[in-house]
PDB file of all heavy atoms in Angstrom:
ATOM      1  N   TRP A   1      -2.725   2.724  39.530  1.00  0.00           N
ATOM      2  CA  TRP A   1      -1.446   3.152  40.103  1.00  0.00           C
ATOM      3  C   TRP A   1      -1.002   4.500  39.539  1.00  0.00           C
ATOM      4  O   TRP A   1      -0.483   5.348  40.269  1.00  0.00           O
ATOM      5  CB  TRP A   1      -0.371   2.087  39.850  1.00  0.00           C
ATOM      6  CG  TRP A   1      -0.520   0.887  40.732  1.00  0.00           C
ATOM      7  CD1 TRP A   1      -0.874  -0.377  40.369  1.00  0.00           C
ATOM      8  CD2 TRP A   1      -0.338   0.853  42.153  1.00  0.00           C
ATOM      9  NE1 TRP A   1      -0.922  -1.201  41.478  1.00  0.00           N
ATOM     10  CE2 TRP A   1      -0.595  -0.484  42.577  1.00  0.00           C
ATOM     11  CE3 TRP A   1       0.013   1.805  43.112  1.00  0.00           C
ATOM     12  CZ2 TRP A   1      -0.512  -0.872  43.910  1.00  0.00           C
ATOM     13  CZ3 TRP A   1       0.108   1.418  44.443  1.00  0.00           C
ATOM     14  CH2 TRP A   1      -0.160   0.094  44.827  1.00  0.00           C
ATOM     15  N   VAL A   2      -1.232   4.710  38.249  1.00  0.00           N
ATOM     16  CA  VAL A   2      -0.930   6.020  37.657  1.00  0.00           C
ATOM     17  C   VAL A   2      -1.794   7.094  38.316  1.00  0.00           C
ATOM     18  O   VAL A   2      -1.313   8.187  38.655  1.00  0.00           O
ATOM     19  CB  VAL A   2      -1.169   6.003  36.126  1.00  0.00           C
ATOM     20  CG1 VAL A   2      -1.047   7.415  35.552  1.00  0.00           C
ATOM     21  CG2 VAL A   2      -0.175   5.077  35.445  1.00  0.00           C
ATOM     22  N   GLY A   3      -3.073   6.772  38.508  1.00  0.00           N
ATOM     23  CA  GLY A   3      -3.981   7.720  39.153  1.00  0.00           C
ATOM     24  C   GLY A   3      -3.572   8.051  40.572  1.00  0.00           C
ATOM     25  O   GLY A   3      -3.647   9.201  41.010  1.00  0.00           O
ATOM     26  N   ILE A   4      -3.112   7.033  41.297  1.00  0.00           N
ATOM     27  CA  ILE A   4      -2.662   7.244  42.677  1.00  0.00           C
ATOM     28  C   ILE A   4      -1.458   8.186  42.718  1.00  0.00           C
ATOM     29  O   ILE A   4      -1.410   9.128  43.519  1.00  0.00           O
ATOM     30  CB  ILE A   4      -2.324   5.886  43.334  1.00  0.00           C
ATOM     31  CG1 ILE A   4      -3.617   5.117  43.637  1.00  0.00           C
ATOM     32  CG2 ILE A   4      -1.511   6.081  44.619  1.00  0.00           C
ATOM     33  CD1 ILE A   4      -3.399   3.670  44.008  1.00  0.00           C
ATOM     34  N   LEU A   5      -0.486   7.945  41.844  1.00  0.00           N
ATOM     35  CA  LEU A   5       0.699   8.802  41.808  1.00  0.00           C
ATOM     36  C   LEU A   5       0.347  10.234  41.420  1.00  0.00           C
ATOM     37  O   LEU A   5       0.853  11.197  42.018  1.00  0.00           O
ATOM     38  CB  LEU A   5       1.724   8.217  40.825  1.00  0.00           C
ATOM     39  CG  LEU A   5       2.380   6.890  41.244  1.00  0.00           C
ATOM     40  CD1 LEU A   5       3.247   6.348  40.121  1.00  0.00           C
ATOM     41  CD2 LEU A   5       3.204   7.076  42.517  1.00  0.00           C
ATOM     42  N   LEU A   6      -0.510  10.393  40.426  1.00  0.00           N
ATOM     43  CA  LEU A   6      -0.932  11.735  40.022  1.00  0.00           C
ATOM     44  C   LEU A   6      -1.651  12.452  41.161  1.00  0.00           C
ATOM     45  O   LEU A   6      -1.412  13.637  41.421  1.00  0.00           O
ATOM     46  CB  LEU A   6      -1.864  11.647  38.803  1.00  0.00           C
ATOM     47  CG  LEU A   6      -1.208  11.438  37.435  1.00  0.00           C
ATOM     48  CD1 LEU A   6      -2.276  11.221  36.370  1.00  0.00           C
ATOM     49  CD2 LEU A   6      -0.348  12.658  37.071  1.00  0.00           C
ATOM     50  N   SER A   7      -2.547  11.739  41.840  1.00  0.00           N
ATOM     51  CA  SER A   7      -3.317  12.355  42.918  1.00  0.00           C
ATOM     52  C   SER A   7      -2.418  12.812  44.061  1.00  0.00           C
ATOM     53  O   SER A   7      -2.584  13.916  44.596  1.00  0.00           O
ATOM     54  CB  SER A   7      -4.370  11.368  43.440  1.00  0.00           C
ATOM     55  OG  SER A   7      -5.294  11.049  42.425  1.00  0.00           O
ATOM     56  N   PHE A   8      -1.456  11.967  44.434  1.00  0.00           N
ATOM     57  CA  PHE A   8      -0.526  12.366  45.487  1.00  0.00           C
ATOM     58  C   PHE A   8       0.300  13.574  45.052  1.00  0.00           C
ATOM     59  O   PHE A   8       0.598  14.460  45.861  1.00  0.00           O
ATOM     60  CB  PHE A   8       0.394  11.205  45.862  1.00  0.00           C
ATOM     61  CG  PHE A   8      -0.214  10.243  46.830  1.00  0.00           C
ATOM     62  CD1 PHE A   8      -0.245   8.884  46.560  1.00  0.00           C
ATOM     63  CD2 PHE A   8      -0.757  10.689  48.017  1.00  0.00           C
ATOM     64  CE1 PHE A   8      -0.809   7.986  47.456  1.00  0.00           C
ATOM     65  CE2 PHE A   8      -1.327   9.808  48.924  1.00  0.00           C
ATOM     66  CZ  PHE A   8      -1.362   8.454  48.639  1.00  0.00           C
ATOM     67  N   GLY A   9       0.659  13.616  43.778  1.00  0.00           N
ATOM     68  CA  GLY A   9       1.385  14.779  43.264  1.00  0.00           C
ATOM     69  C   GLY A   9       0.553  16.042  43.336  1.00  0.00           C
ATOM     70  O   GLY A   9       1.053  17.110  43.713  1.00  0.00           O
ATOM     71  N   GLY A  10      -0.721  15.931  42.967  1.00  0.00           N
ATOM     72  CA  GLY A  10      -1.610  17.087  43.035  1.00  0.00           C
ATOM     73  C   GLY A  10      -1.792  17.584  44.458  1.00  0.00           C
ATOM     74  O   GLY A  10      -1.786  18.803  44.720  1.00  0.00           O
ATOM     75  N   VAL A  11      -1.958  16.648  45.386  1.00  0.00           N
ATOM     76  CA  VAL A  11      -2.089  17.020  46.804  1.00  0.00           C
ATOM     77  C   VAL A  11      -0.837  17.729  47.289  1.00  0.00           C
ATOM     78  O   VAL A  11      -0.904  18.711  48.042  1.00  0.00           O
ATOM     79  CB  VAL A  11      -2.380  15.763  47.662  1.00  0.00           C
ATOM     80  CG1 VAL A  11      -2.236  16.088  49.152  1.00  0.00           C
ATOM     81  CG2 VAL A  11      -3.777  15.236  47.374  1.00  0.00           C
ATOM     82  N   ALA A  12       0.329  17.252  46.858  1.00  0.00           N
ATOM     83  CA  ALA A  12       1.597  17.876  47.256  1.00  0.00           C
ATOM     84  C   ALA A  12       1.683  19.305  46.735  1.00  0.00           C
ATOM     85  O   ALA A  12       2.122  20.217  47.455  1.00  0.00           O
ATOM     86  CB  ALA A  12       2.778  17.059  46.740  1.00  0.00           C
ATOM     87  N   VAL A  13       1.259  19.530  45.480  1.00  0.00           N
ATOM     88  CA  VAL A  13       1.279  20.880  44.912  1.00  0.00           C
ATOM     89  C   VAL A  13       0.399  21.821  45.730  1.00  0.00           C
ATOM     90  O   VAL A  13       0.784  22.955  46.045  1.00  0.00           O
ATOM     91  CB  VAL A  13       0.796  20.855  43.444  1.00  0.00           C
ATOM     92  CG1 VAL A  13       0.594  22.273  42.913  1.00  0.00           C
ATOM     93  CG2 VAL A  13       1.815  20.124  42.573  1.00  0.00           C
ATOM     94  N   ILE A  14      -0.794  21.354  46.100  1.00  0.00           N
ATOM     95  CA  ILE A  14      -1.717  22.186  46.882  1.00  0.00           C
ATOM     96  C   ILE A  14      -1.150  22.458  48.271  1.00  0.00           C
ATOM     97  O   ILE A  14      -1.137  23.592  48.750  1.00  0.00           O
ATOM     98  CB  ILE A  14      -3.090  21.494  47.012  1.00  0.00           C
ATOM     99  CG1 ILE A  14      -3.742  21.339  45.641  1.00  0.00           C
ATOM    100  CG2 ILE A  14      -4.011  22.298  47.929  1.00  0.00           C
ATOM    101  CD1 ILE A  14      -4.980  20.457  45.638  1.00  0.00           C
ATOM    102  N   SER A  15      -0.667  21.409  48.922  1.00  0.00           N
ATOM    103  CA  SER A  15      -0.225  21.517  50.315  1.00  0.00           C
ATOM    104  C   SER A  15       1.037  22.350  50.488  1.00  0.00           C
ATOM    105  O   SER A  15       1.225  22.990  51.528  1.00  0.00           O
ATOM    106  CB  SER A  15       0.002  20.118  50.896  1.00  0.00           C
ATOM    107  OG  SER A  15      -1.157  19.340  50.798  1.00  0.00           O
ATOM    108  N   LEU A  16       1.929  22.341  49.497  1.00  0.00           N
ATOM    109  CA  LEU A  16       3.198  23.042  49.631  1.00  0.00           C
ATOM    110  C   LEU A  16       3.135  24.484  49.134  1.00  0.00           C
ATOM    111  O   LEU A  16       4.111  25.223  49.217  1.00  0.00           O
ATOM    112  CB  LEU A  16       4.299  22.296  48.868  1.00  0.00           C
ATOM    113  CG  LEU A  16       4.616  20.884  49.398  1.00  0.00           C
ATOM    114  CD1 LEU A  16       5.666  20.209  48.535  1.00  0.00           C
ATOM    115  CD2 LEU A  16       5.078  20.948  50.847  1.00  0.00           C
ATOM    116  N   ALA A  17       1.966  24.899  48.612  1.00  0.00           N
ATOM    117  CA  ALA A  17       1.813  26.282  48.154  1.00  0.00           C
ATOM    118  C   ALA A  17       1.803  27.228  49.350  1.00  0.00           C
ATOM    119  O   ALA A  17       1.417  26.864  50.456  1.00  0.00           O
ATOM    120  CB  ALA A  17       0.516  26.433  47.369  1.00  0.00           C
ATOM    121  N   LYS A  18       2.233  28.450  49.118  1.00  0.00           N
ATOM    122  CA  LYS A  18       2.201  29.450  50.178  1.00  0.00           C
ATOM    123  C   LYS A  18       0.753  29.812  50.491  1.00  0.00           C
ATOM    124  O   LYS A  18      -0.067  29.978  49.605  1.00  0.00           O
ATOM    125  CB  LYS A  18       2.962  30.710  49.752  1.00  0.00           C
ATOM    126  CG  LYS A  18       4.462  30.495  49.580  1.00  0.00           C
ATOM    127  CD  LYS A  18       5.152  31.777  49.163  1.00  0.00           C
ATOM    128  CE  LYS A  18       6.652  31.548  49.004  1.00  0.00           C
ATOM    129  NZ  LYS A  18       7.352  32.778  48.559  1.00  0.00           N
ATOM    130  N   GLY A  19       0.450  29.928  51.769  1.00  0.00           N
ATOM    131  CA  GLY A  19      -0.924  30.255  52.147  1.00  0.00           C
ATOM    132  C   GLY A  19      -0.969  30.974  53.470  1.00  0.00           C
ATOM    133  O   GLY A  19       0.015  31.566  53.910  1.00  0.00           O
ATOM    134  N   ALA A  20      -2.126  30.888  54.122  1.00  0.00           N
ATOM    135  CA  ALA A  20      -2.315  31.565  55.395  1.00  0.00           C
ATOM    136  C   ALA A  20      -1.506  30.883  56.484  1.00  0.00           C
ATOM    137  O   ALA A  20      -1.050  29.752  56.339  1.00  0.00           O
ATOM    138  CB  ALA A  20      -3.802  31.546  55.762  1.00  0.00           C
ATOM    139  N   ASP A  21      -1.309  31.598  57.598  1.00  0.00           N
ATOM    140  CA  ASP A  21      -0.615  31.021  58.739  1.00  0.00           C
ATOM    141  C   ASP A  21      -1.359  29.769  59.212  1.00  0.00           C
ATOM    142  O   ASP A  21      -2.576  29.769  59.334  1.00  0.00           O
ATOM    143  CB  ASP A  21      -0.555  32.040  59.887  1.00  0.00           C
ATOM    144  CG  ASP A  21       0.345  33.212  59.547  1.00  0.00           C
ATOM    145  OD1 ASP A  21       1.200  33.062  58.650  1.00  0.00           O
ATOM    146  OD2 ASP A  21       0.178  34.279  60.163  1.00  0.00           O
ATOM    147  N   GLY A  22      -0.609  28.729  59.486  1.00  0.00           N
ATOM    148  CA  GLY A  22      -1.224  27.490  59.949  1.00  0.00           C
ATOM    149  C   GLY A  22      -1.757  26.626  58.830  1.00  0.00           C
ATOM    150  O   GLY A  22      -2.370  25.596  59.083  1.00  0.00           O
ATOM    151  N   ALA A  23      -1.529  27.032  57.554  1.00  0.00           N
ATOM    152  CA  ALA A  23      -2.074  26.271  56.431  1.00  0.00           C
ATOM    153  C   ALA A  23      -1.511  24.859  56.384  1.00  0.00           C
ATOM    154  O   ALA A  23      -2.241  23.905  56.096  1.00  0.00           O
ATOM    155  CB  ALA A  23      -1.790  26.997  55.117  1.00  0.00           C
ATOM    156  N   LEU A  24      -0.210  24.710  56.664  1.00  0.00           N
ATOM    157  CA  LEU A  24       0.400  23.386  56.605  1.00  0.00           C
ATOM    158  C   LEU A  24      -0.240  22.452  57.625  1.00  0.00           C
ATOM    159  O   LEU A  24      -0.497  21.276  57.338  1.00  0.00           O
ATOM    160  CB  LEU A  24       1.908  23.492  56.843  1.00  0.00           C
ATOM    161  CG  LEU A  24       2.740  22.265  56.440  1.00  0.00           C
ATOM    162  CD1 LEU A  24       2.523  21.927  54.969  1.00  0.00           C
ATOM    163  CD2 LEU A  24       4.212  22.502  56.722  1.00  0.00           C
ATOM    164  N   ILE A  25      -0.523  22.979  58.813  1.00  0.00           N
ATOM    165  CA  ILE A  25      -1.208  22.184  59.840  1.00  0.00           C
ATOM    166  C   ILE A  25      -2.605  21.821  59.353  1.00  0.00           C
ATOM    167  O   ILE A  25      -3.086  20.703  59.557  1.00  0.00           O
ATOM    168  CB  ILE A  25      -1.283  22.964  61.169  1.00  0.00           C
ATOM    169  CG1 ILE A  25       0.124  23.208  61.726  1.00  0.00           C
ATOM    170  CG2 ILE A  25      -2.135  22.220  62.191  1.00  0.00           C
ATOM    171  CD1 ILE A  25       0.156  24.084  62.959  1.00  0.00           C
ATOM    172  N   GLY A  26      -3.260  22.777  58.700  1.00  0.00           N
ATOM    173  CA  GLY A  26      -4.594  22.536  58.169  1.00  0.00           C
ATOM    174  C   GLY A  26      -4.605  21.436  57.137  1.00  0.00           C
ATOM    175  O   GLY A  26      -5.464  20.540  57.153  1.00  0.00           O
ATOM    176  N   TYR A  27      -3.620  21.470  56.206  1.00  0.00           N
ATOM    177  CA  TYR A  27      -3.533  20.429  55.188  1.00  0.00           C
ATOM    178  C   TYR A  27      -3.232  19.078  55.829  1.00  0.00           C
ATOM    179  O   TYR A  27      -3.759  18.046  55.413  1.00  0.00           O
ATOM    180  CB  TYR A  27      -2.454  20.773  54.161  1.00  0.00           C
ATOM    181  CG  TYR A  27      -2.857  21.879  53.217  1.00  0.00           C
ATOM    182  CD1 TYR A  27      -2.069  23.014  53.073  1.00  0.00           C
ATOM    183  CD2 TYR A  27      -4.033  21.796  52.473  1.00  0.00           C
ATOM    184  CE1 TYR A  27      -2.432  24.042  52.206  1.00  0.00           C
ATOM    185  CE2 TYR A  27      -4.403  22.809  51.607  1.00  0.00           C
ATOM    186  CZ  TYR A  27      -3.603  23.940  51.481  1.00  0.00           C
ATOM    187  OH  TYR A  27      -3.971  24.939  50.633  1.00  0.00           O
ATOM    188  N   GLY A  28      -2.387  19.093  56.845  1.00  0.00           N
ATOM    189  CA  GLY A  28      -2.077  17.851  57.551  1.00  0.00           C
ATOM    190  C   GLY A  28      -3.315  17.241  58.182  1.00  0.00           C
ATOM    191  O   GLY A  28      -3.545  16.034  58.095  1.00  0.00           O
ATOM    192  N   ALA A  29      -4.126  18.089  58.819  1.00  0.00           N
ATOM    193  CA  ALA A  29      -5.370  17.616  59.442  1.00  0.00           C
ATOM    194  C   ALA A  29      -6.320  17.044  58.394  1.00  0.00           C
ATOM    195  O   ALA A  29      -6.951  16.001  58.608  1.00  0.00           O
ATOM    196  CB  ALA A  29      -6.047  18.765  60.197  1.00  0.00           C
ATOM    197  N   LEU A  30      -6.410  17.716  57.238  1.00  0.00           N
ATOM    198  CA  LEU A  30      -7.295  17.240  56.170  1.00  0.00           C
ATOM    199  C   LEU A  30      -6.820  15.906  55.592  1.00  0.00           C
ATOM    200  O   LEU A  30      -7.627  15.029  55.282  1.00  0.00           O
ATOM    201  CB  LEU A  30      -7.395  18.291  55.060  1.00  0.00           C
ATOM    202  CG  LEU A  30      -8.172  19.561  55.429  1.00  0.00           C
ATOM    203  CD1 LEU A  30      -7.958  20.640  54.380  1.00  0.00           C
ATOM    204  CD2 LEU A  30      -9.656  19.251  55.578  1.00  0.00           C
ATOM    205  N   LEU A  31      -5.499  15.742  55.478  1.00  0.00           N
ATOM    206  CA  LEU A  31      -4.965  14.481  54.972  1.00  0.00           C
ATOM    207  C   LEU A  31      -5.236  13.339  55.944  1.00  0.00           C
ATOM    208  O   LEU A  31      -5.587  12.228  55.533  1.00  0.00           O
ATOM    209  CB  LEU A  31      -3.461  14.609  54.708  1.00  0.00           C
ATOM    210  CG  LEU A  31      -3.074  15.449  53.487  1.00  0.00           C
ATOM    211  CD1 LEU A  31      -1.569  15.696  53.460  1.00  0.00           C
ATOM    212  CD2 LEU A  31      -3.525  14.764  52.203  1.00  0.00           C
ATOM    213  N   VAL A  32      -5.080  13.605  57.243  1.00  0.00           N
ATOM    214  CA  VAL A  32      -5.409  12.576  58.244  1.00  0.00           C
ATOM    215  C   VAL A  32      -6.910  12.286  58.210  1.00  0.00           C
ATOM    216  O   VAL A  32      -7.346  11.137  58.369  1.00  0.00           O
ATOM    217  CB  VAL A  32      -4.963  13.017  59.651  1.00  0.00           C
ATOM    218  CG1 VAL A  32      -5.382  11.978  60.691  1.00  0.00           C
ATOM    219  CG2 VAL A  32      -3.455  13.213  59.699  1.00  0.00           C
ATOM    220  N   ALA A  33      -7.714  13.340  57.980  1.00  0.00           N
ATOM    221  CA  ALA A  33      -9.162  13.157  57.863  1.00  0.00           C
ATOM    222  C   ALA A  33      -9.496  12.245  56.692  1.00  0.00           C
ATOM    223  O   ALA A  33     -10.372  11.369  56.788  1.00  0.00           O
ATOM    224  CB  ALA A  33      -9.847  14.516  57.694  1.00  0.00           C
ATOM    225  N   VAL A  34      -8.801  12.438  55.566  1.00  0.00           N
ATOM    226  CA  VAL A  34      -9.028  11.592  54.384  1.00  0.00           C
ATOM    227  C   VAL A  34      -8.715  10.137  54.714  1.00  0.00           C
ATOM    228  O   VAL A  34      -9.459   9.223  54.324  1.00  0.00           O
ATOM    229  CB  VAL A  34      -8.169  12.082  53.198  1.00  0.00           C
ATOM    230  CG1 VAL A  34      -8.162  11.041  52.082  1.00  0.00           C
ATOM    231  CG2 VAL A  34      -8.704  13.403  52.662  1.00  0.00           C
ATOM    232  N   VAL A  35      -7.626   9.911  55.442  1.00  0.00           N
ATOM    233  CA  VAL A  35      -7.257   8.540  55.813  1.00  0.00           C
ATOM    234  C   VAL A  35      -8.310   7.937  56.743  1.00  0.00           C
ATOM    235  O   VAL A  35      -8.713   6.775  56.586  1.00  0.00           O
ATOM    236  CB  VAL A  35      -5.871   8.509  56.493  1.00  0.00           C
ATOM    237  CG1 VAL A  35      -5.562   7.109  57.033  1.00  0.00           C
ATOM    238  CG2 VAL A  35      -4.787   8.950  55.509  1.00  0.00           C
ATOM    239  N   SER A  36      -8.786   8.724  57.701  1.00  0.00           N
ATOM    240  CA  SER A  36      -9.771   8.201  58.663  1.00  0.00           C
ATOM    241  C   SER A  36     -11.079   7.838  57.981  1.00  0.00           C
ATOM    242  O   SER A  36     -11.672   6.787  58.267  1.00  0.00           O
ATOM    243  CB  SER A  36     -10.013   9.216  59.785  1.00  0.00           C
ATOM    244  OG  SER A  36     -10.699  10.358  59.309  1.00  0.00           O
ATOM    245  N   ILE A  37     -11.555   8.672  57.055  1.00  0.00           N
ATOM    246  CA  ILE A  37     -12.820   8.371  56.386  1.00  0.00           C
ATOM    247  C   ILE A  37     -12.631   7.222  55.391  1.00  0.00           C
ATOM    248  O   ILE A  37     -13.560   6.439  55.156  1.00  0.00           O
ATOM    249  CB  ILE A  37     -13.386   9.631  55.683  1.00  0.00           C
ATOM    250  CG1 ILE A  37     -14.878   9.441  55.345  1.00  0.00           C
ATOM    251  CG2 ILE A  37     -12.611   9.978  54.434  1.00  0.00           C
ATOM    252  CD1 ILE A  37     -15.785   9.384  56.522  1.00  0.00           C
ATOM    253  N   ALA A  38     -11.426   7.086  54.834  1.00  0.00           N
ATOM    254  CA  ALA A  38     -11.158   5.962  53.927  1.00  0.00           C
ATOM    255  C   ALA A  38     -11.199   4.643  54.693  1.00  0.00           C
ATOM    256  O   ALA A  38     -11.763   3.644  54.213  1.00  0.00           O
ATOM    257  CB  ALA A  38      -9.804   6.154  53.249  1.00  0.00           C
TER     258      ALA A  38
END
């Protein structure tokens, strides 16, 4: 459970960082991809 919380926090840090145009959509697609493969 500690690992799960840390991992979600790390993903949030990566996803909310400033990046290229469309980056948020890209991170969203990757997160859905992670759920689908899981």
